[in-house]
PDB file of N, CA and C in Angstrom:
ATOM      1  N   MET A   1     132.690 130.543 113.569  1.00  0.00           N
ATOM      2  CA  MET A   1     133.705 130.977 114.493  1.00  0.00           C
ATOM      3  C   MET A   1     134.142 132.399 114.166  1.00  0.00           C
ATOM      4  N   ASN A   2     134.031 132.777 112.917  1.00  0.00           N
ATOM      5  CA  ASN A   2     134.340 134.145 112.499  1.00  0.00           C
ATOM      6  C   ASN A   2     135.750 134.572 112.903  1.00  0.00           C
ATOM      7  N   ALA A   3     136.702 133.682 112.662  1.00  0.00           N
ATOM      8  CA  ALA A   3     138.100 133.937 113.011  1.00  0.00           C
ATOM      9  C   ALA A   3     138.923 133.908 111.729  1.00  0.00           C
ATOM     10  N   HIS A   4     138.953 135.026 111.032  1.00  0.00           N
ATOM     11  CA  HIS A   4     139.605 135.092 109.723  1.00  0.00           C
ATOM     12  C   HIS A   4     141.103 134.847 109.828  1.00  0.00           C
ATOM     13  N   SER A   5     141.587 134.026 108.900  1.00  0.00           N
ATOM     14  CA  SER A   5     143.008 133.698 108.852  1.00  0.00           C
ATOM     15  C   SER A   5     143.383 133.348 107.418  1.00  0.00           C
ATOM     16  N   THR A   6     144.471 133.901 106.935  1.00  0.00           N
ATOM     17  CA  THR A   6     144.927 133.571 105.581  1.00  0.00           C
ATOM     18  C   THR A   6     145.362 132.110 105.490  1.00  0.00           C
ATOM     19  N   LEU A   7     145.683 131.511 106.615  1.00  0.00           N
ATOM     20  CA  LEU A   7     146.052 130.098 106.657  1.00  0.00           C
ATOM     21  C   LEU A   7     144.926 129.207 106.149  1.00  0.00           C
ATOM     22  N   ARG A   8     143.671 129.643 106.341  1.00  0.00           N
ATOM     23  CA  ARG A   8     142.513 128.848 105.939  1.00  0.00           C
ATOM     24  C   ARG A   8     141.822 129.361 104.686  1.00  0.00           C
ATOM     25  N   GLY A   9     142.279 130.443 104.085  1.00  0.00           N
ATOM     26  CA  GLY A   9     141.680 130.888 102.837  1.00  0.00           C
ATOM     27  C   GLY A   9     141.139 132.300 102.823  1.00  0.00           C
ATOM     28  N   TYR A  10     140.998 132.917 103.980  1.00  0.00           N
ATOM     29  CA  TYR A  10     140.513 134.295 104.009  1.00  0.00           C
ATOM     30  C   TYR A  10     141.567 135.224 103.407  1.00  0.00           C
ATOM     31  N   PRO A  11     141.141 136.348 102.825  1.00  0.00           N
ATOM     32  CA  PRO A  11     142.110 137.275 102.231  1.00  0.00           C
ATOM     33  C   PRO A  11     142.889 138.097 103.264  1.00  0.00           C
ATOM     34  N   ASN A  12     142.452 138.038 104.542  1.00  0.00           N
ATOM     35  CA  ASN A  12     143.127 138.827 105.577  1.00  0.00           C
ATOM     36  C   ASN A  12     143.114 138.084 106.905  1.00  0.00           C
ATOM     37  N   ASP A  13     143.980 138.510 107.809  1.00  0.00           N
ATOM     38  CA  ASP A  13     144.012 137.974 109.171  1.00  0.00           C
ATOM     39  C   ASP A  13     143.290 138.938 110.095  1.00  0.00           C
ATOM     40  N   ARG A  14     142.665 138.382 111.117  1.00  0.00           N
ATOM     41  CA  ARG A  14     142.038 139.187 112.164  1.00  0.00           C
ATOM     42  C   ARG A  14     142.517 138.664 113.514  1.00  0.00           C
ATOM     43  N   PRO A  15     142.412 139.464 114.560  1.00  0.00           N
ATOM     44  CA  PRO A  15     142.921 139.034 115.871  1.00  0.00           C
ATOM     45  C   PRO A  15     142.369 137.683 116.337  1.00  0.00           C
ATOM     46  N   ARG A  16     141.087 137.438 116.138  1.00  0.00           N
ATOM     47  CA  ARG A  16     140.521 136.155 116.560  1.00  0.00           C
ATOM     48  C   ARG A  16     141.124 135.005 115.757  1.00  0.00           C
ATOM     49  N   GLY A  17     141.362 135.221 114.475  1.00  0.00           N
ATOM     50  CA  GLY A  17     142.005 134.202 113.648  1.00  0.00           C
ATOM     51  C   GLY A  17     143.421 133.915 114.112  1.00  0.00           C
ATOM     52  N   ASN A  18     144.144 134.973 114.474  1.00  0.00           N
ATOM     53  CA  ASN A  18     145.496 134.786 115.012  1.00  0.00           C
ATOM     54  C   ASN A  18     145.470 134.013 116.326  1.00  0.00           C
ATOM     55  N   ALA A  19     144.464 134.285 117.154  1.00  0.00           N
ATOM     56  CA  ALA A  19     144.338 133.572 118.429  1.00  0.00           C
ATOM     57  C   ALA A  19     144.061 132.088 118.192  1.00  0.00           C
ATOM     58  N   VAL A  20     143.229 131.780 117.202  1.00  0.00           N
ATOM     59  CA  VAL A  20     142.949 130.378 116.877  1.00  0.00           C
ATOM     60  C   VAL A  20     144.220 129.693 116.377  1.00  0.00           C
ATOM     61  N   GLU A  21     144.974 130.355 115.519  1.00  0.00           N
ATOM     62  CA  GLU A  21     146.240 129.795 115.034  1.00  0.00           C
ATOM     63  C   GLU A  21     147.205 129.546 116.191  1.00  0.00           C
ATOM     64  N   ASP A  22     147.281 130.487 117.124  1.00  0.00           N
ATOM     65  CA  ASP A  22     148.146 130.310 118.293  1.00  0.00           C
ATOM     66  C   ASP A  22     147.699 129.106 119.119  1.00  0.00           C
ATOM     67  N   PHE A  23     146.387 128.964 119.322  1.00  0.00           N
ATOM     68  CA  PHE A  23     145.854 127.832 120.085  1.00  0.00           C
ATOM     69  C   PHE A  23     146.221 126.512 119.415  1.00  0.00           C
ATOM     70  N   ILE A  24     146.056 126.445 118.097  1.00  0.00           N
ATOM     71  CA  ILE A  24     146.385 125.223 117.356  1.00  0.00           C
ATOM     72  C   ILE A  24     147.864 124.884 117.537  1.00  0.00           C
ATOM     73  N   SER A  25     148.705 125.884 117.457  1.00  0.00           N
ATOM     74  CA  SER A  25     150.148 125.676 117.592  1.00  0.00           C
ATOM     75  C   SER A  25     150.543 125.260 119.008  1.00  0.00           C
ATOM     76  N   ILE A  26     150.021 125.959 119.996  1.00  0.00           N
ATOM     77  CA  ILE A  26     150.375 125.692 121.396  1.00  0.00           C
ATOM     78  C   ILE A  26     149.929 124.303 121.836  1.00  0.00           C
ATOM     79  N   THR A  27     148.785 123.846 121.339  1.00  0.00           N
ATOM     80  CA  THR A  27     148.234 122.554 121.758  1.00  0.00           C
ATOM     81  C   THR A  27     148.691 121.402 120.868  1.00  0.00           C
ATOM     82  N   ASN A  28     149.591 121.681 119.929  1.00  0.00           N
ATOM     83  CA  ASN A  28     150.124 120.662 119.016  1.00  0.00           C
ATOM     84  C   ASN A  28     149.045 119.952 118.205  1.00  0.00           C
ATOM     85  N   LEU A  29     147.999 120.685 117.858  1.00  0.00           N
ATOM     86  CA  LEU A  29     146.972 120.136 116.980  1.00  0.00           C
ATOM     87  C   LEU A  29     147.418 120.292 115.533  1.00  0.00           C
ATOM     88  N   GLN A  30     146.830 119.506 114.661  1.00  0.00           N
ATOM     89  CA  GLN A  30     147.093 119.604 113.233  1.00  0.00           C
ATOM     90  C   GLN A  30     145.836 120.123 112.550  1.00  0.00           C
ATOM     91  N   LEU A  31     145.957 121.176 111.778  1.00  0.00           N
ATOM     92  CA  LEU A  31     144.854 121.690 110.976  1.00  0.00           C
ATOM     93  C   LEU A  31     144.855 120.925 109.662  1.00  0.00           C
ATOM     94  N   LEU A  32     143.764 120.217 109.373  1.00  0.00           N
ATOM     95  CA  LEU A  32     143.686 119.391 108.175  1.00  0.00           C
ATOM     96  C   LEU A  32     143.061 120.120 106.999  1.00  0.00           C
ATOM     97  N   ASN A  33     142.505 121.306 107.223  1.00  0.00           N
ATOM     98  CA  ASN A  33     141.873 122.060 106.141  1.00  0.00           C
ATOM     99  C   ASN A  33     142.838 122.298 104.987  1.00  0.00           C
ATOM    100  N   VAL A  34     142.292 122.256 103.777  1.00  0.00           N
ATOM    101  CA  VAL A  34     143.055 122.571 102.567  1.00  0.00           C
ATOM    102  C   VAL A  34     142.415 123.816 101.968  1.00  0.00           C
ATOM    103  N   LYS A  35     143.070 124.972 102.114  1.00  0.00           N
ATOM    104  CA  LYS A  35     142.428 126.232 101.723  1.00  0.00           C
ATOM    105  C   LYS A  35     142.131 126.297 100.234  1.00  0.00           C
ATOM    106  N   ASP A  36     142.874 125.582  99.404  1.00  0.00           N
ATOM    107  CA  ASP A  36     142.610 125.582  97.961  1.00  0.00           C
ATOM    108  C   ASP A  36     141.333 124.839  97.593  1.00  0.00           C
ATOM    109  N   GLU A  37     140.741 124.119  98.542  1.00  0.00           N
ATOM    110  CA  GLU A  37     139.491 123.401  98.301  1.00  0.00           C
ATOM    111  C   GLU A  37     138.302 124.351  98.190  1.00  0.00           C
ATOM    112  N   GLY A  38     138.451 125.569  98.621  1.00  0.00           N
ATOM    113  CA  GLY A  38     137.353 126.520  98.546  1.00  0.00           C
ATOM    114  C   GLY A  38     136.660 126.688  99.877  1.00  0.00           C
ATOM    115  N   PRO A  39     135.686 127.594  99.926  1.00  0.00           N
ATOM    116  CA  PRO A  39     135.014 127.923 101.181  1.00  0.00           C
ATOM    117  C   PRO A  39     134.127 126.787 101.690  1.00  0.00           C
ATOM    118  N   THR A  40     133.988 126.721 103.004  1.00  0.00           N
ATOM    119  CA  THR A  40     133.097 125.736 103.618  1.00  0.00           C
ATOM    120  C   THR A  40     131.746 126.357 103.960  1.00  0.00           C
ATOM    121  N   PHE A  41     131.617 127.650 103.730  1.00  0.00           N
ATOM    122  CA  PHE A  41     130.386 128.396 104.019  1.00  0.00           C
ATOM    123  C   PHE A  41     130.116 129.329 102.846  1.00  0.00           C
ATOM    124  N   GLN A  42     128.871 129.292 102.328  1.00  0.00           N
ATOM    125  CA  GLN A  42     128.506 130.197 101.231  1.00  0.00           C
ATOM    126  C   GLN A  42     127.057 130.635 101.378  1.00  0.00           C
ATOM    127  N   GLN A  43     126.853 131.936 101.201  1.00  0.00           N
ATOM    128  CA  GLN A  43     125.526 132.526 101.091  1.00  0.00           C
ATOM    129  C   GLN A  43     125.491 133.262  99.765  1.00  0.00           C
ATOM    130  N   HIS A  44     124.388 133.938  99.492  1.00  0.00           N
ATOM    131  CA  HIS A  44     124.262 134.663  98.228  1.00  0.00           C
ATOM    132  C   HIS A  44     125.343 135.722  98.055  1.00  0.00           C
ATOM    133  N   ASN A  45     125.678 136.415  99.137  1.00  0.00           N
ATOM    134  CA  ASN A  45     126.631 137.526  99.026  1.00  0.00           C
ATOM    135  C   ASN A  45     127.866 137.370  99.915  1.00  0.00           C
ATOM    136  N   ALA A  46     128.097 136.175 100.441  1.00  0.00           N
ATOM    137  CA  ALA A  46     129.236 135.977 101.341  1.00  0.00           C
ATOM    138  C   ALA A  46     129.760 134.552 101.238  1.00  0.00           C
ATOM    139  N   LYS A  47     131.035 134.414 101.529  1.00  0.00           N
ATOM    140  CA  LYS A  47     131.636 133.086 101.613  1.00  0.00           C
ATOM    141  C   LYS A  47     132.702 133.129 102.694  1.00  0.00           C
ATOM    142  N   GLY A  48     133.021 131.973 103.232  1.00  0.00           N
ATOM    143  CA  GLY A  48     134.019 131.934 104.289  1.00  0.00           C
ATOM    144  C   GLY A  48     134.529 130.531 104.541  1.00  0.00           C
ATOM    145  N   TRP A  49     135.474 130.455 105.455  1.00  0.00           N
ATOM    146  CA  TRP A  49     136.142 129.201 105.808  1.00  0.00           C
ATOM    147  C   TRP A  49     136.071 128.992 107.326  1.00  0.00           C
ATOM    148  N   PRO A  50     134.863 129.021 107.923  1.00  0.00           N
ATOM    149  CA  PRO A  50     134.781 128.959 109.379  1.00  0.00           C
ATOM    150  C   PRO A  50     134.948 127.559 109.964  1.00  0.00           C
ATOM    151  N   ASN A  51     134.774 126.534 109.159  1.00  0.00           N
ATOM    152  CA  ASN A  51     134.802 125.168 109.670  1.00  0.00           C
ATOM    153  C   ASN A  51     136.235 124.647 109.754  1.00  0.00           C
ATOM    154  N   LEU A  52     136.616 124.214 110.934  1.00  0.00           N
ATOM    155  CA  LEU A  52     137.966 123.714 111.156  1.00  0.00           C
ATOM    156  C   LEU A  52     137.926 122.206 111.355  1.00  0.00           C
ATOM    157  N   THR A  53     138.877 121.514 110.757  1.00  0.00           N
ATOM    158  CA  THR A  53     139.067 120.095 111.004  1.00  0.00           C
ATOM    159  C   THR A  53     140.427 119.961 111.665  1.00  0.00           C
ATOM    160  N   LEU A  54     140.405 119.567 112.935  1.00  0.00           N
ATOM    161  CA  LEU A  54     141.631 119.476 113.722  1.00  0.00           C
ATOM    162  C   LEU A  54     141.855 118.038 114.166  1.00  0.00           C
ATOM    163  N   SER A  55     143.111 117.658 114.297  1.00  0.00           N
ATOM    164  CA  SER A  55     143.423 116.317 114.783  1.00  0.00           C
ATOM    165  C   SER A  55     144.627 116.377 115.710  1.00  0.00           C
ATOM    166  N   ILE A  56     144.749 115.326 116.471  1.00  0.00           N
ATOM    167  CA  ILE A  56     145.937 115.126 117.291  1.00  0.00           C
ATOM    168  C   ILE A  56     146.751 114.059 116.580  1.00  0.00           C
ATOM    169  N   GLY A  57     147.967 114.331 116.325  1.00  0.00           N
ATOM    170  CA  GLY A  57     148.811 113.362 115.633  1.00  0.00           C
ATOM    171  C   GLY A  57     149.821 114.084 114.788  1.00  0.00           C
ATOM    172  N   GLN A  58     151.065 113.781 114.999  1.00  0.00           N
ATOM    173  CA  GLN A  58     152.120 114.554 114.366  1.00  0.00           C
ATOM    174  C   GLN A  58     152.222 114.370 112.868  1.00  0.00           C
ATOM    175  N   HIS A  59     151.846 113.223 112.333  1.00  0.00           N
ATOM    176  CA  HIS A  59     152.018 112.990 110.906  1.00  0.00           C
ATOM    177  C   HIS A  59     150.687 112.837 110.169  1.00  0.00           C
ATOM    178  N   LEU A  60     149.586 113.000 110.855  1.00  0.00           N
ATOM    179  CA  LEU A  60     148.283 112.773 110.242  1.00  0.00           C
ATOM    180  C   LEU A  60     148.003 113.746 109.113  1.00  0.00           C
ATOM    181  N   SER A  61     148.475 114.969 109.219  1.00  0.00           N
ATOM    182  CA  SER A  61     148.196 115.954 108.175  1.00  0.00           C
ATOM    183  C   SER A  61     148.819 115.555 106.844  1.00  0.00           C
ATOM    184  N   ASN A  62     149.858 114.743 106.852  1.00  0.00           N
ATOM    185  CA  ASN A  62     150.485 114.294 105.610  1.00  0.00           C
ATOM    186  C   ASN A  62     149.831 113.045 105.036  1.00  0.00           C
ATOM    187  N   THR A  63     148.935 112.416 105.772  1.00  0.00           N
ATOM    188  CA  THR A  63     148.334 111.165 105.325  1.00  0.00           C
ATOM    189  C   THR A  63     146.816 111.246 105.301  1.00  0.00           C
ATOM    190  N   THR A  64     146.298 112.413 105.026  1.00  0.00           N
ATOM    191  CA  THR A  64     144.866 112.643 105.093  1.00  0.00           C
ATOM    192  C   THR A  64     144.374 113.339 103.835  1.00  0.00           C
ATOM    193  N   SER A  65     143.146 113.007 103.444  1.00  0.00           N
ATOM    194  CA  SER A  65     142.488 113.691 102.339  1.00  0.00           C
ATOM    195  C   SER A  65     141.361 114.540 102.924  1.00  0.00           C
ATOM    196  N   TRP A  66     141.293 115.803 102.537  1.00  0.00           N
ATOM    197  CA  TRP A  66     140.280 116.734 103.045  1.00  0.00           C
ATOM    198  C   TRP A  66     139.663 117.437 101.848  1.00  0.00           C
ATOM    199  N   GLU A  67     138.332 117.368 101.723  1.00  0.00           N
ATOM    200  CA  GLU A  67     137.675 117.883 100.521  1.00  0.00           C
ATOM    201  C   GLU A  67     136.334 118.525 100.872  1.00  0.00           C
ATOM    202  N   VAL A  68     136.072 119.694 100.306  1.00  0.00           N
ATOM    203  CA  VAL A  68     134.771 120.347 100.439  1.00  0.00           C
ATOM    204  C   VAL A  68     133.891 119.808  99.315  1.00  0.00           C
ATOM    205  N   LEU A  69     132.769 119.198  99.689  1.00  0.00           N
ATOM    206  CA  LEU A  69     131.879 118.595  98.699  1.00  0.00           C
ATOM    207  C   LEU A  69     130.880 119.614  98.174  1.00  0.00           C
ATOM    208  N   GLU A  70     130.426 119.392  96.961  1.00  0.00           N
ATOM    209  CA  GLU A  70     129.452 120.285  96.337  1.00  0.00           C
ATOM    210  C   GLU A  70     128.031 119.749  96.448  1.00  0.00           C
ATOM    211  N   ASP A  71     127.810 118.730  97.246  1.00  0.00           N
ATOM    212  CA  ASP A  71     126.484 118.151  97.436  1.00  0.00           C
ATOM    213  C   ASP A  71     125.539 119.181  98.063  1.00  0.00           C
ATOM    214  N   VAL A  72     124.257 119.049  97.790  1.00  0.00           N
ATOM    215  CA  VAL A  72     123.246 119.924  98.387  1.00  0.00           C
ATOM    216  C   VAL A  72     123.121 119.573  99.866  1.00  0.00           C
ATOM    217  N   THR A  73     123.223 120.582 100.735  1.00  0.00           N
ATOM    218  CA  THR A  73     123.172 120.346 102.182  1.00  0.00           C
ATOM    219  C   THR A  73     121.959 120.985 102.853  1.00  0.00           C
ATOM    220  N   PHE A  74     121.228 121.836 102.139  1.00  0.00           N
ATOM    221  CA  PHE A  74     120.115 122.602 102.706  1.00  0.00           C
ATOM    222  C   PHE A  74     120.600 123.469 103.867  1.00  0.00           C
ATOM    223  N   SER A  75     121.834 123.912 103.776  1.00  0.00           N
ATOM    224  CA  SER A  75     122.479 124.756 104.779  1.00  0.00           C
ATOM    225  C   SER A  75     123.449 125.678 104.050  1.00  0.00           C
ATOM    226  N   ASP A  76     123.925 126.694 104.729  1.00  0.00           N
ATOM    227  CA  ASP A  76     124.958 127.566 104.167  1.00  0.00           C
ATOM    228  C   ASP A  76     126.342 126.925 104.257  1.00  0.00           C
ATOM    229  N   HIS A  77     126.444 125.841 105.020  1.00  0.00           N
ATOM    230  CA  HIS A  77     127.717 125.149 105.211  1.00  0.00           C
ATOM    231  C   HIS A  77     127.780 123.918 104.311  1.00  0.00           C
ATOM    232  N   SER A  78     128.948 123.670 103.769  1.00  0.00           N
ATOM    233  CA  SER A  78     129.156 122.521 102.889  1.00  0.00           C
ATOM    234  C   SER A  78     129.567 121.296 103.697  1.00  0.00           C
ATOM    235  N   PHE A  79     129.297 120.120 103.113  1.00  0.00           N
ATOM    236  CA  PHE A  79     129.826 118.892 103.695  1.00  0.00           C
ATOM    237  C   PHE A  79     131.332 118.862 103.469  1.00  0.00           C
ATOM    238  N   ILE A  80     132.032 118.281 104.395  1.00  0.00           N
ATOM    239  CA  ILE A  80     133.478 118.097 104.269  1.00  0.00           C
ATOM    240  C   ILE A  80     133.754 116.605 104.338  1.00  0.00           C
ATOM    241  N   LYS A  81     134.472 116.107 103.351  1.00  0.00           N
ATOM    242  CA  LYS A  81     134.844 114.688 103.307  1.00  0.00           C
ATOM    243  C   LYS A  81     136.286 114.556 103.789  1.00  0.00           C
ATOM    244  N   ILE A  82     136.465 113.727 104.800  1.00  0.00           N
ATOM    245  CA  ILE A  82     137.789 113.504 105.367  1.00  0.00           C
ATOM    246  C   ILE A  82     138.115 112.021 105.242  1.00  0.00           C
ATOM    247  N   GLN A  83     139.257 111.716 104.680  1.00  0.00           N
ATOM    248  CA  GLN A  83     139.723 110.334 104.613  1.00  0.00           C
ATOM    249  C   GLN A  83     141.030 110.244 105.383  1.00  0.00           C
ATOM    250  N   LEU A  84     141.040 109.372 106.365  1.00  0.00           N
ATOM    251  CA  LEU A  84     142.242 109.157 107.159  1.00  0.00           C
ATOM    252  C   LEU A  84     142.946 107.913 106.645  1.00  0.00           C
ATOM    253  N   LYS A  85     144.207 108.028 106.387  1.00  0.00           N
ATOM    254  CA  LYS A  85     145.017 106.899 105.927  1.00  0.00           C
ATOM    255  C   LYS A  85     145.942 106.524 107.070  1.00  0.00           C
ATOM    256  N   ILE A  86     145.495 105.575 107.851  1.00  0.00           N
ATOM    257  CA  ILE A  86     146.218 105.206 109.063  1.00  0.00           C
ATOM    258  C   ILE A  86     146.743 103.783 108.920  1.00  0.00           C
ATOM    259  N   LYS A  87     148.004 103.605 109.207  1.00  0.00           N
ATOM    260  CA  LYS A  87     148.600 102.270 109.212  1.00  0.00           C
ATOM    261  C   LYS A  87     148.471 101.700 110.615  1.00  0.00           C
ATOM    262  N   VAL A  88     147.932 100.495 110.690  1.00  0.00           N
ATOM    263  CA  VAL A  88     147.795  99.815 111.972  1.00  0.00           C
ATOM    264  C   VAL A  88     148.916  98.792 112.073  1.00  0.00           C
ATOM    265  N   GLN A  89     149.684  98.888 113.119  1.00  0.00           N
ATOM    266  CA  GLN A  89     150.783  97.953 113.324  1.00  0.00           C
ATOM    267  C   GLN A  89     150.365  96.896 114.327  1.00  0.00           C
ATOM    268  N   SER A  90     150.605  95.649 113.977  1.00  0.00           N
ATOM    269  CA  SER A  90     150.310  94.576 114.921  1.00  0.00           C
ATOM    270  C   SER A  90     151.550  94.312 115.765  1.00  0.00           C
ATOM    271  N   HIS A  91     151.329  93.903 116.981  1.00  0.00           N
ATOM    272  CA  HIS A  91     152.455  93.674 117.900  1.00  0.00           C
ATOM    273  C   HIS A  91     152.732  92.214 118.040  1.00  0.00           C
TER     274      HIS A  91
END
């Protein structure tokens, strides 16, 4: 996506990154990414955080585990492990 944003781990903001942040806010989406987990994209001379994990749900971001895995992917992009902790209420 090439939309740099300090919210996701990049060292600087760019206009496209700001536009993505605005879109997330306006549409009431939740960004589940954890920037301290490290980059989701790595090459020999570059790294980045282009992969977004978004959800609909006001409290889901507080009940979710998001992790960048170090498994071999045969790609420049890393696997992302997401665990949703959802309580199901019976009626």
